[in-house]
Structures are given as structure tokens and as C-alpha cells.
């Protein structure tokens, strides 16, 4: 991450009063320290973000694991939480039956007329997202995790 910070002229012109030149140099030194500190904070946030996102989504996944119907355990065991950092963005995914296994995952999720022993139920992932995956809850957990990671 590159942070640019400056004040005044880039070069101190010849003939500038020594008090102004000294104050300019002193200010530049202070800004350089602030810039370095800001770059460290930004780099720390960037480094901690994938883990913060995973931490923020974990309650959604864990609650979906409570709600997912269990018969053969294949559906429950197919659950996943993945956070991948690409070159330009971070992609997070919570789901079941990645790659189509077990094939019946979408039917179990969507068929609300089937009986499941509580607390398991149809719409298990949707309900978990509605309860634990609201934008406000996710944002709060990300901020808390990043704040902890960078030491504030």
C-alpha cells in the first residue's frame, strides 16, 4: 500500500528563510512518520481482513450446522466456509454440497413441507443467514476482529 502525504512545496527554494526551511523540514519529518504508521495500519488491516471475514461468517455457518437436517450426515458434513483472497478482492462463501454432493441438498433446503426433528429444518442456511448474517452483525464482527488484529 502506498500512502502519499505532503504539505507545501516539494523543494525548498534557494533563498528561503532558514526559519521557514527548518519548519518545512521538521513538518516533512513528522508527516513521514505519520505516513509510515498509516501504511503499517493499512497493511495490518489488509493482512487481517480474510481472517476477520471468516470470523464474521463463522456464526452463520455454525448456526446453519444446528439447523441442517441430519439423516445420513452427508449433508451436514458437506457444509463449508471458505474465504479466498484473489488479486483484487476477497471472496467468502458459506454453503452446502459444493460440487453437487450430496445431490439432494437443494431439495432438503427448499422443501418446507417435509418434517424435520427440531431444531433441524428446511431453509437451514437461509434461516442462519437471516439470524446471524445481517449486514450489521457481519460488519460489527469484522470491525471487532480487525480492531483486535491491529491492536486498537
C-alpha atoms as a PDB file:
ATOM      1  CA  UNK A   1       0.000   0.000   0.000  1.00  0.00           C
ATOM      2  CA  UNK A   2       1.368   3.404  -0.932  1.00  0.00           C
ATOM      3  CA  UNK A   3       0.222   6.410   1.046  1.00  0.00           C
ATOM      4  CA  UNK A   4       1.118   9.861  -0.148  1.00  0.00           C
ATOM      5  CA  UNK A   5       1.183  12.792   2.233  1.00  0.00           C
ATOM      6  CA  UNK A   6       2.695  16.197   1.665  1.00  0.00           C
ATOM      7  CA  UNK A   7       2.401  19.816   2.601  1.00  0.00           C
ATOM      8  CA  UNK A   8       3.849  22.844   0.919  1.00  0.00           C
ATOM      9  CA  UNK A   9       6.394  22.863  -1.890  1.00  0.00           C
ATOM     10  CA  UNK A  10       8.203  19.671  -2.814  1.00  0.00           C
ATOM     11  CA  UNK A  11      11.510  21.523  -2.866  1.00  0.00           C
ATOM     12  CA  UNK A  12      12.620  24.318  -0.621  1.00  0.00           C
ATOM     13  CA  UNK A  13      13.682  27.116  -2.997  1.00  0.00           C
ATOM     14  CA  UNK A  14      17.097  28.683  -2.643  1.00  0.00           C
ATOM     15  CA  UNK A  15      16.911  31.849  -0.634  1.00  0.00           C
ATOM     16  CA  UNK A  16      14.056  30.628   1.589  1.00  0.00           C
ATOM     17  CA  UNK A  17      14.412  31.994   5.097  1.00  0.00           C
ATOM     18  CA  UNK A  18      16.089  29.484   7.377  1.00  0.00           C
ATOM     19  CA  UNK A  19      13.167  29.513   9.838  1.00  0.00           C
ATOM     20  CA  UNK A  20      10.728  28.572   7.070  1.00  0.00           C
ATOM     21  CA  UNK A  21      13.105  25.957   5.638  1.00  0.00           C
ATOM     22  CA  UNK A  22      13.636  24.437   9.097  1.00  0.00           C
ATOM     23  CA  UNK A  23       9.922  24.367   9.846  1.00  0.00           C
ATOM     24  CA  UNK A  24       9.267  22.785   6.439  1.00  0.00           C
ATOM     25  CA  UNK A  25      11.866  20.046   7.049  1.00  0.00           C
ATOM     26  CA  UNK A  26      10.530  19.392  10.538  1.00  0.00           C
ATOM     27  CA  UNK A  27       6.961  19.140   9.234  1.00  0.00           C
ATOM     28  CA  UNK A  28       8.057  16.769   6.473  1.00  0.00           C
ATOM     29  CA  UNK A  29       9.798  14.535   9.002  1.00  0.00           C
ATOM     30  CA  UNK A  30       6.672  14.417  11.159  1.00  0.00           C
ATOM     31  CA  UNK A  31       4.478  13.659   8.158  1.00  0.00           C
ATOM     32  CA  UNK A  32       6.880  10.899   7.083  1.00  0.00           C
ATOM     33  CA  UNK A  33       6.500   9.235  10.490  1.00  0.00           C
ATOM     34  CA  UNK A  34       2.704   9.559  10.322  1.00  0.00           C
ATOM     35  CA  UNK A  35       2.718   8.194   6.761  1.00  0.00           C
ATOM     36  CA  UNK A  36       4.805   5.175   7.812  1.00  0.00           C
ATOM     37  CA  UNK A  37       2.466   4.496  10.722  1.00  0.00           C
ATOM     38  CA  UNK A  38      -0.586   4.802   8.486  1.00  0.00           C
ATOM     39  CA  UNK A  39       0.928   2.401   5.960  1.00  0.00           C
ATOM     40  CA  UNK A  40       1.561  -0.116   8.767  1.00  0.00           C
ATOM     41  CA  UNK A  41      -2.060   0.151   9.921  1.00  0.00           C
ATOM     42  CA  UNK A  42      -3.353  -0.261   6.369  1.00  0.00           C
ATOM     43  CA  UNK A  43      -1.073  -3.252   5.744  1.00  0.00           C
ATOM     44  CA  UNK A  44      -2.212  -4.766   9.046  1.00  0.00           C
ATOM     45  CA  UNK A  45      -5.857  -4.363   8.061  1.00  0.00           C
ATOM     46  CA  UNK A  46      -5.198  -5.864   4.647  1.00  0.00           C
ATOM     47  CA  UNK A  47      -3.402  -8.843   6.176  1.00  0.00           C
ATOM     48  CA  UNK A  48      -6.059  -9.421   8.830  1.00  0.00           C
ATOM     49  CA  UNK A  49      -9.107  -8.970   6.580  1.00  0.00           C
ATOM     50  CA  UNK A  50      -9.517 -12.553   5.272  1.00  0.00           C
ATOM     51  CA  UNK A  51      -9.445 -13.950   8.796  1.00  0.00           C
ATOM     52  CA  UNK A  52     -11.776 -11.189  10.007  1.00  0.00           C
ATOM     53  CA  UNK A  53     -14.280 -12.071   7.295  1.00  0.00           C
ATOM     54  CA  UNK A  54     -14.059 -15.745   8.177  1.00  0.00           C
ATOM     55  CA  UNK A  55     -14.579 -14.916  11.866  1.00  0.00           C
ATOM     56  CA  UNK A  56     -17.583 -12.767  10.934  1.00  0.00           C
ATOM     57  CA  UNK A  57     -19.196 -15.543   8.903  1.00  0.00           C
ATOM     58  CA  UNK A  58     -18.437 -18.385  11.315  1.00  0.00           C
ATOM     59  CA  UNK A  59     -21.615 -17.777  13.418  1.00  0.00           C
ATOM     60  CA  UNK A  60     -23.698 -18.097  10.234  1.00  0.00           C
ATOM     61  CA  UNK A  61     -22.047 -21.398   9.378  1.00  0.00           C
ATOM     62  CA  UNK A  62     -22.262 -22.733  12.932  1.00  0.00           C
ATOM     63  CA  UNK A  63     -25.959 -21.883  13.207  1.00  0.00           C
ATOM     64  CA  UNK A  64     -26.643 -23.489   9.832  1.00  0.00           C
ATOM     65  CA  UNK A  65     -24.971 -26.626  11.199  1.00  0.00           C
ATOM     66  CA  UNK A  66     -27.537 -26.620  14.026  1.00  0.00           C
ATOM     67  CA  UNK A  67     -30.433 -26.242  11.582  1.00  0.00           C
ATOM     68  CA  UNK A  68     -29.275 -28.577   8.798  1.00  0.00           C
ATOM     69  CA  UNK A  69     -31.304 -31.818   8.738  1.00  0.00           C
ATOM     70  CA  UNK A  70     -29.319 -34.906   9.626  1.00  0.00           C
ATOM     71  CA  UNK A  71     -30.209 -38.270   8.201  1.00  0.00           C
ATOM     72  CA  UNK A  72     -27.070 -39.830   6.805  1.00  0.00           C
ATOM     73  CA  UNK A  73     -24.864 -36.884   7.949  1.00  0.00           C
ATOM     74  CA  UNK A  74     -23.713 -36.397   4.358  1.00  0.00           C
ATOM     75  CA  UNK A  75     -25.498 -33.065   4.024  1.00  0.00           C
ATOM     76  CA  UNK A  76     -24.195 -31.724   7.316  1.00  0.00           C
ATOM     77  CA  UNK A  77     -20.655 -32.865   6.525  1.00  0.00           C
ATOM     78  CA  UNK A  78     -20.833 -31.164   3.133  1.00  0.00           C
ATOM     79  CA  UNK A  79     -21.088 -27.756   4.820  1.00  0.00           C
ATOM     80  CA  UNK A  80     -18.231 -25.337   4.274  1.00  0.00           C
ATOM     81  CA  UNK A  81     -16.987 -21.847   4.973  1.00  0.00           C
ATOM     82  CA  UNK A  82     -14.293 -20.660   2.580  1.00  0.00           C
ATOM     83  CA  UNK A  83     -12.560 -17.303   2.367  1.00  0.00           C
ATOM     84  CA  UNK A  84     -10.190 -16.837  -0.571  1.00  0.00           C
ATOM     85  CA  UNK A  85      -8.057 -13.830  -1.322  1.00  0.00           C
ATOM     86  CA  UNK A  86      -7.822 -13.032  -5.000  1.00  0.00           C
ATOM     87  CA  UNK A  87      -5.632 -10.472  -6.677  1.00  0.00           C
ATOM     88  CA  UNK A  88      -8.218  -7.703  -6.368  1.00  0.00           C
ATOM     89  CA  UNK A  89     -10.836  -8.900  -3.893  1.00  0.00           C
ATOM     90  CA  UNK A  90     -11.700 -11.363  -1.170  1.00  0.00           C
ATOM     91  CA  UNK A  91     -14.405 -13.926  -1.868  1.00  0.00           C
ATOM     92  CA  UNK A  92     -16.246 -15.565   1.006  1.00  0.00           C
ATOM     93  CA  UNK A  93     -18.657 -18.457   0.661  1.00  0.00           C
ATOM     94  CA  UNK A  94     -20.827 -20.344   3.134  1.00  0.00           C
ATOM     95  CA  UNK A  95     -22.694 -23.285   1.745  1.00  0.00           C
ATOM     96  CA  UNK A  96     -23.509 -26.927   1.395  1.00  0.00           C
ATOM     97  CA  UNK A  97     -22.972 -29.559  -1.271  1.00  0.00           C
ATOM     98  CA  UNK A  98     -20.119 -27.836  -3.061  1.00  0.00           C
ATOM     99  CA  UNK A  99     -19.607 -29.587  -6.337  1.00  0.00           C
ATOM    100  CA  UNK A 100     -23.111 -31.036  -6.189  1.00  0.00           C
ATOM    101  CA  UNK A 101     -22.561 -33.622  -3.457  1.00  0.00           C
ATOM    102  CA  UNK A 102     -24.848 -34.651  -1.976  1.00  0.00           C
ATOM    103  CA  UNK A 103     -27.103 -34.065  -4.960  1.00  0.00           C
ATOM    104  CA  UNK A 104     -30.231 -33.654  -2.828  1.00  0.00           C
ATOM    105  CA  UNK A 105     -29.001 -30.638  -0.813  1.00  0.00           C
ATOM    106  CA  UNK A 106     -31.122 -28.091  -2.646  1.00  0.00           C
ATOM    107  CA  UNK A 107     -34.257 -30.233  -2.238  1.00  0.00           C
ATOM    108  CA  UNK A 108     -33.752 -30.664   1.505  1.00  0.00           C
ATOM    109  CA  UNK A 109     -33.151 -26.940   1.842  1.00  0.00           C
ATOM    110  CA  UNK A 110     -36.159 -25.831  -0.198  1.00  0.00           C
ATOM    111  CA  UNK A 111     -38.853 -28.402   0.602  1.00  0.00           C
ATOM    112  CA  UNK A 112     -40.594 -26.695   3.501  1.00  0.00           C
ATOM    113  CA  UNK A 113     -43.380 -29.280   3.612  1.00  0.00           C
ATOM    114  CA  UNK A 114     -41.036 -32.033   4.846  1.00  0.00           C
ATOM    115  CA  UNK A 115     -40.912 -32.629   8.588  1.00  0.00           C
ATOM    116  CA  UNK A 116     -37.537 -32.380  10.330  1.00  0.00           C
ATOM    117  CA  UNK A 117     -36.858 -33.013  14.001  1.00  0.00           C
ATOM    118  CA  UNK A 118     -36.263 -29.645  15.664  1.00  0.00           C
ATOM    119  CA  UNK A 119     -34.059 -27.703  15.631  1.00  0.00           C
ATOM    120  CA  UNK A 120     -33.312 -29.013  12.134  1.00  0.00           C
ATOM    121  CA  UNK A 121     -35.458 -27.584   9.374  1.00  0.00           C
ATOM    122  CA  UNK A 122     -35.825 -26.699   5.741  1.00  0.00           C
ATOM    123  CA  UNK A 123     -34.255 -23.389   4.691  1.00  0.00           C
ATOM    124  CA  UNK A 124     -31.482 -24.128   7.188  1.00  0.00           C
ATOM    125  CA  UNK A 125     -28.883 -21.898   5.511  1.00  0.00           C
ATOM    126  CA  UNK A 126     -31.347 -19.104   4.765  1.00  0.00           C
ATOM    127  CA  UNK A 127     -32.527 -19.017   8.384  1.00  0.00           C
ATOM    128  CA  UNK A 128     -28.951 -18.915   9.680  1.00  0.00           C
ATOM    129  CA  UNK A 129     -28.149 -16.027   7.341  1.00  0.00           C
ATOM    130  CA  UNK A 130     -31.280 -14.149   8.431  1.00  0.00           C
ATOM    131  CA  UNK A 131     -30.401 -14.611  12.107  1.00  0.00           C
ATOM    132  CA  UNK A 132     -26.604 -14.256  12.133  1.00  0.00           C
ATOM    133  CA  UNK A 133     -25.735 -12.873   8.710  1.00  0.00           C
ATOM    134  CA  UNK A 134     -27.335  -9.479   8.729  1.00  0.00           C
ATOM    135  CA  UNK A 135     -25.145  -6.756   7.276  1.00  0.00           C
ATOM    136  CA  UNK A 136     -24.939  -5.027  10.656  1.00  0.00           C
ATOM    137  CA  UNK A 137     -23.864  -8.167  12.526  1.00  0.00           C
ATOM    138  CA  UNK A 138     -21.284  -9.066   9.872  1.00  0.00           C
ATOM    139  CA  UNK A 139     -19.928  -5.516   9.820  1.00  0.00           C
ATOM    140  CA  UNK A 140     -19.709  -5.361  13.616  1.00  0.00           C
ATOM    141  CA  UNK A 141     -17.839  -8.678  13.778  1.00  0.00           C
ATOM    142  CA  UNK A 142     -15.408  -7.622  11.025  1.00  0.00           C
ATOM    143  CA  UNK A 143     -14.688  -4.298  12.741  1.00  0.00           C
ATOM    144  CA  UNK A 144     -14.190  -6.031  16.096  1.00  0.00           C
ATOM    145  CA  UNK A 145     -11.855  -8.610  14.585  1.00  0.00           C
ATOM    146  CA  UNK A 146      -9.817  -6.028  12.663  1.00  0.00           C
ATOM    147  CA  UNK A 147      -9.599  -3.761  15.683  1.00  0.00           C
ATOM    148  CA  UNK A 148      -8.259  -6.651  17.747  1.00  0.00           C
ATOM    149  CA  UNK A 149      -5.843  -7.696  14.980  1.00  0.00           C
ATOM    150  CA  UNK A 150      -4.223  -4.281  14.587  1.00  0.00           C
ATOM    151  CA  UNK A 151      -4.096  -3.591  18.300  1.00  0.00           C
ATOM    152  CA  UNK A 152      -6.617  -0.819  18.808  1.00  0.00           C
END
